[in-house]
């Protein structure tokens, strides 16, 4: 008999002030852990004051990790400066933004 995981419907995480740099590894570890027990990861971007290429890479990694485990990753409360970066890099196509 195969046991199914009891997956949570969704989890919301909210990075503090900057997404990328030294915090990227801790964020990626958290996403890997969440991907084991959650169908849908929502990243609340409201507090992201600074986003660089490392931060964009972190978002792509979160999306890939969730997808590998059969889940999805979306963004919420995206500030205008982050939305411009997503549009410029065409990552706005990759993410469901609410």
Protein backbone atom coordinates (compact mmCIF):
# COMPACT_ATOMS: atom_id res chain seq x y z
CA UNK A 1 0.00 0.00 0.00
CA UNK A 2 1.34 3.40 -1.00
CA UNK A 3 0.90 6.23 1.48
CA UNK A 4 0.12 9.69 0.18
CA UNK A 5 1.74 12.75 1.68
CA UNK A 6 -0.64 15.01 3.53
CA UNK A 7 0.14 18.16 1.55
CA UNK A 8 -0.82 21.63 2.67
CA UNK A 9 -2.80 23.59 0.10
CA UNK A 10 -0.50 26.62 0.19
CA UNK A 11 2.16 28.34 2.27
CA UNK A 12 3.00 32.04 2.15
CA UNK A 13 6.53 33.21 2.86
CA UNK A 14 7.60 36.85 3.01
CA UNK A 15 11.29 37.66 2.45
CA UNK A 16 12.64 40.61 4.44
CA UNK A 17 13.88 43.77 2.65
CA UNK A 18 16.28 42.07 0.17
CA UNK A 19 15.95 38.93 -1.89
CA UNK A 20 19.34 37.64 -2.95
CA UNK A 21 22.90 37.83 -1.72
CA UNK A 22 23.73 36.05 1.54
CA UNK A 23 20.07 35.36 2.31
CA UNK A 24 19.62 33.39 -0.92
CA UNK A 25 20.96 30.11 0.48
CA UNK A 26 18.69 30.22 3.53
CA UNK A 27 15.73 31.10 1.32
CA UNK A 28 16.49 28.21 -1.06
CA UNK A 29 16.75 25.81 1.88
CA UNK A 30 13.38 26.99 3.16
CA UNK A 31 11.80 26.50 -0.28
CA UNK A 32 13.22 22.97 -0.54
CA UNK A 33 11.71 22.11 2.83
CA UNK A 34 8.35 23.66 1.92
CA UNK A 35 8.26 21.80 -1.41
CA UNK A 36 8.07 18.51 0.49
CA UNK A 37 4.79 19.36 2.22
CA UNK A 38 3.07 22.00 0.12
CA UNK A 39 1.29 22.16 -3.24
CA UNK A 40 1.52 25.93 -3.74
CA UNK A 41 4.17 28.34 -2.49
CA UNK A 42 3.21 32.01 -2.49
CA UNK A 43 6.08 34.47 -2.12
CA UNK A 44 4.81 37.74 -0.63
CA UNK A 45 7.10 40.39 -2.10
CA UNK A 46 5.68 43.38 -0.19
CA UNK A 47 8.83 43.86 1.93
CA UNK A 48 11.38 43.45 -0.86
CA UNK A 49 13.14 46.82 -1.04
CA UNK A 50 16.10 45.60 -3.13
CA UNK A 51 16.18 42.96 -5.87
CA UNK A 52 19.24 42.16 -7.96
CA UNK A 53 20.17 39.35 -10.35
CA UNK A 54 20.82 37.06 -7.39
CA UNK A 55 17.27 37.70 -6.20
CA UNK A 56 15.88 36.91 -9.65
CA UNK A 57 17.89 33.68 -9.62
CA UNK A 58 16.42 32.87 -6.23
CA UNK A 59 12.89 33.28 -7.58
CA UNK A 60 13.68 31.06 -10.59
CA UNK A 61 15.15 28.44 -8.26
CA UNK A 62 12.05 28.52 -6.05
CA UNK A 63 9.83 28.06 -9.10
CA UNK A 64 11.96 25.13 -10.36
CA UNK A 65 12.05 23.45 -6.93
CA UNK A 66 8.28 23.62 -6.53
CA UNK A 67 7.72 22.37 -10.07
CA UNK A 68 10.10 19.42 -9.52
CA UNK A 69 7.93 18.33 -6.60
CA UNK A 70 4.67 18.75 -8.52
CA UNK A 71 3.79 22.10 -6.99
CA UNK A 72 3.61 25.68 -8.13
CA UNK A 73 5.11 28.99 -7.09
CA UNK A 74 3.48 32.40 -7.43
CA UNK A 75 4.17 35.95 -6.29
CA UNK A 76 1.93 38.37 -4.43
CA UNK A 77 2.14 42.03 -3.42
CA UNK A 78 4.87 42.70 -5.98
CA UNK A 79 6.30 46.24 -5.66
CA UNK A 80 6.62 48.30 -8.84
CA UNK A 81 10.45 48.06 -8.93
CA UNK A 82 10.29 44.25 -8.74
CA UNK A 83 7.52 44.12 -11.36
CA UNK A 84 9.71 46.19 -13.72
CA UNK A 85 12.55 43.68 -13.29
CA UNK A 86 10.19 40.77 -13.92
CA UNK A 87 8.88 42.48 -17.08
CA UNK A 88 12.36 43.41 -18.31
CA UNK A 89 13.65 39.85 -17.88
CA UNK A 90 10.34 38.35 -19.08
CA UNK A 91 10.04 36.39 -15.86
CA UNK A 92 6.54 37.83 -15.55
CA UNK A 93 5.55 35.03 -17.96
CA UNK A 94 6.96 32.37 -15.61
CA UNK A 95 5.14 33.48 -12.46
CA UNK A 96 1.51 33.89 -11.62
CA UNK A 97 1.49 37.36 -10.03
CA UNK A 98 -1.42 38.41 -7.84
